Amino acid sequence: MSDLKSRFDAAVAQSKNLSERPDNATLLKIYGLYKQGTVGDNTEKKPGFGDMVGRAKWDAWNGLKGTSQDDAQQQYIDLIASLS
C-alpha cells in the first residue's frame, strides 16, 4: 500500500472522531474529496429537485471533476488535519 493511501485511510478514520462537527459546507467538501479520491470523476446522474441533500453532495463531488485521485486524497488529508 502506498504511503498516500495509508495516510488517506488514517485521515478517513480520523474524520469520524473529530472533536466537533464541521459546518455543512465543510462536510460537503469532505464528501466531495472522499468520493473523488476513492471513485474518481462523478459519472452518476444528478438527483432531482426533491432530493436537496443528494443534489448538494452531487454538486460537491462534480465540482472536483478533473482532479486526480491522488490530489483529492492529499487535499482530504490536509483538510482533516486542519480540522483536528
C-alpha atoms as a PDB file:
ATOM      1  CA  MET A   1       0.000   0.000   0.000  1.00  0.00           C
ATOM      2  CA  SER A   2       1.336   3.427  -0.913  1.00  0.00           C
ATOM      3  CA  ASP A   3       2.174   5.993   1.742  1.00  0.00           C
ATOM      4  CA  LEU A   4      -0.532   8.324   0.381  1.00  0.00           C
ATOM      5  CA  LYS A   5      -3.169   5.578   0.565  1.00  0.00           C
ATOM      6  CA  SER A   6      -2.259   4.710   4.149  1.00  0.00           C
ATOM      7  CA  ARG A   7      -2.310   8.402   5.173  1.00  0.00           C
ATOM      8  CA  PHE A   8      -5.678   8.805   3.385  1.00  0.00           C
ATOM      9  CA  ASP A   9      -7.114   5.776   5.206  1.00  0.00           C
ATOM     10  CA  ALA A  10      -5.860   7.209   8.506  1.00  0.00           C
ATOM     11  CA  ALA A  11      -7.490  10.582   7.716  1.00  0.00           C
ATOM     12  CA  VAL A  12     -10.795   8.817   6.905  1.00  0.00           C
ATOM     13  CA  ALA A  13     -10.667   7.101  10.296  1.00  0.00           C
ATOM     14  CA  GLN A  14      -9.734  10.389  11.966  1.00  0.00           C
ATOM     15  CA  SER A  15     -12.663  12.191  10.258  1.00  0.00           C
ATOM     16  CA  LYS A  16     -15.090  10.004  12.198  1.00  0.00           C
ATOM     17  CA  ASN A  17     -13.599  11.181  15.524  1.00  0.00           C
ATOM     18  CA  LEU A  18     -13.427  14.961  15.091  1.00  0.00           C
ATOM     19  CA  SER A  19     -13.986  16.824  18.353  1.00  0.00           C
ATOM     20  CA  GLU A  20     -16.707  18.973  16.828  1.00  0.00           C
ATOM     21  CA  ARG A  21     -18.966  18.558  13.802  1.00  0.00           C
ATOM     22  CA  PRO A  22     -17.855  20.713  10.844  1.00  0.00           C
ATOM     23  CA  ASP A  23     -20.329  23.079   9.198  1.00  0.00           C
ATOM     24  CA  ASN A  24     -22.338  21.835   6.215  1.00  0.00           C
ATOM     25  CA  ALA A  25     -20.089  23.489   3.609  1.00  0.00           C
ATOM     26  CA  THR A  26     -17.045  21.748   5.093  1.00  0.00           C
ATOM     27  CA  LEU A  27     -18.901  18.434   5.302  1.00  0.00           C
ATOM     28  CA  LEU A  28     -19.748  18.729   1.596  1.00  0.00           C
ATOM     29  CA  LYS A  29     -16.094  19.446   0.783  1.00  0.00           C
ATOM     30  CA  ILE A  30     -15.041  16.390   2.826  1.00  0.00           C
ATOM     31  CA  TYR A  31     -17.631  14.273   0.972  1.00  0.00           C
ATOM     32  CA  GLY A  32     -16.580  15.542  -2.469  1.00  0.00           C
ATOM     33  CA  LEU A  33     -12.881  14.972  -1.802  1.00  0.00           C
ATOM     34  CA  TYR A  34     -13.585  11.497  -0.411  1.00  0.00           C
ATOM     35  CA  LYS A  35     -15.621  10.473  -3.472  1.00  0.00           C
ATOM     36  CA  GLN A  36     -13.088  11.982  -5.901  1.00  0.00           C
ATOM     37  CA  GLY A  37     -10.231  10.310  -4.028  1.00  0.00           C
ATOM     38  CA  THR A  38     -11.857   6.873  -3.963  1.00  0.00           C
ATOM     39  CA  VAL A  39     -14.009   6.714  -7.119  1.00  0.00           C
ATOM     40  CA  GLY A  40     -12.670   9.416  -9.438  1.00  0.00           C
ATOM     41  CA  ASP A  41     -14.792  11.689 -11.626  1.00  0.00           C
ATOM     42  CA  ASN A  42     -18.528  11.764 -10.986  1.00  0.00           C
ATOM     43  CA  THR A  43     -20.434   9.880 -13.697  1.00  0.00           C
ATOM     44  CA  GLU A  44     -23.688   9.485 -11.759  1.00  0.00           C
ATOM     45  CA  LYS A  45     -26.974  11.103 -12.812  1.00  0.00           C
ATOM     46  CA  LYS A  46     -27.780  14.340 -10.960  1.00  0.00           C
ATOM     47  CA  PRO A  47     -30.534  13.814  -8.356  1.00  0.00           C
ATOM     48  CA  GLY A  48     -33.894  15.530  -8.876  1.00  0.00           C
ATOM     49  CA  PHE A  49     -35.023  18.795  -7.253  1.00  0.00           C
ATOM     50  CA  GLY A  50     -36.789  16.926  -4.459  1.00  0.00           C
ATOM     51  CA  ASP A  51     -33.506  15.494  -3.183  1.00  0.00           C
ATOM     52  CA  MET A  52     -31.774  18.613  -1.865  1.00  0.00           C
ATOM     53  CA  VAL A  53     -29.111  16.724   0.125  1.00  0.00           C
ATOM     54  CA  GLY A  54     -28.360  14.400  -2.789  1.00  0.00           C
ATOM     55  CA  ARG A  55     -28.029  17.370  -5.154  1.00  0.00           C
ATOM     56  CA  ALA A  56     -25.671  19.190  -2.780  1.00  0.00           C
ATOM     57  CA  LYS A  57     -23.486  16.079  -2.453  1.00  0.00           C
ATOM     58  CA  TRP A  58     -23.548  15.527  -6.222  1.00  0.00           C
ATOM     59  CA  ASP A  59     -22.538  19.171  -6.835  1.00  0.00           C
ATOM     60  CA  ALA A  60     -19.703  18.943  -4.272  1.00  0.00           C
ATOM     61  CA  TRP A  61     -18.305  15.840  -5.960  1.00  0.00           C
ATOM     62  CA  ASN A  62     -18.910  17.049  -9.515  1.00  0.00           C
ATOM     63  CA  GLY A  63     -17.084  20.310  -8.759  1.00  0.00           C
ATOM     64  CA  LEU A  64     -13.875  18.295  -8.378  1.00  0.00           C
ATOM     65  CA  LYS A  65     -14.118  16.711 -11.839  1.00  0.00           C
ATOM     66  CA  GLY A  66     -10.682  16.510 -13.410  1.00  0.00           C
ATOM     67  CA  THR A  67      -8.862  16.399 -10.055  1.00  0.00           C
ATOM     68  CA  SER A  68      -6.663  13.315  -9.868  1.00  0.00           C
ATOM     69  CA  GLN A  69      -7.460  10.758  -7.192  1.00  0.00           C
ATOM     70  CA  ASP A  70      -4.026  11.339  -5.611  1.00  0.00           C
ATOM     71  CA  ASP A  71      -4.582  15.110  -5.463  1.00  0.00           C
ATOM     72  CA  ALA A  72      -8.058  14.635  -3.973  1.00  0.00           C
ATOM     73  CA  GLN A  73      -6.671  12.249  -1.349  1.00  0.00           C
ATOM     74  CA  GLN A  74      -3.939  14.736  -0.396  1.00  0.00           C
ATOM     75  CA  GLN A  75      -6.480  17.587  -0.153  1.00  0.00           C
ATOM     76  CA  TYR A  76      -8.678  15.351   2.017  1.00  0.00           C
ATOM     77  CA  ILE A  77      -5.730  14.558   4.329  1.00  0.00           C
ATOM     78  CA  ASP A  78      -4.877  18.277   4.608  1.00  0.00           C
ATOM     79  CA  LEU A  79      -8.494  19.264   5.305  1.00  0.00           C
ATOM     80  CA  ILE A  80      -8.980  16.654   8.037  1.00  0.00           C
ATOM     81  CA  ALA A  81      -5.647  17.660   9.611  1.00  0.00           C
ATOM     82  CA  SER A  82      -6.774  21.307   9.680  1.00  0.00           C
ATOM     83  CA  LEU A  83      -9.988  20.301  11.485  1.00  0.00           C
ATOM     84  CA  SER A  84      -8.269  18.185  14.150  1.00  0.00           C
END
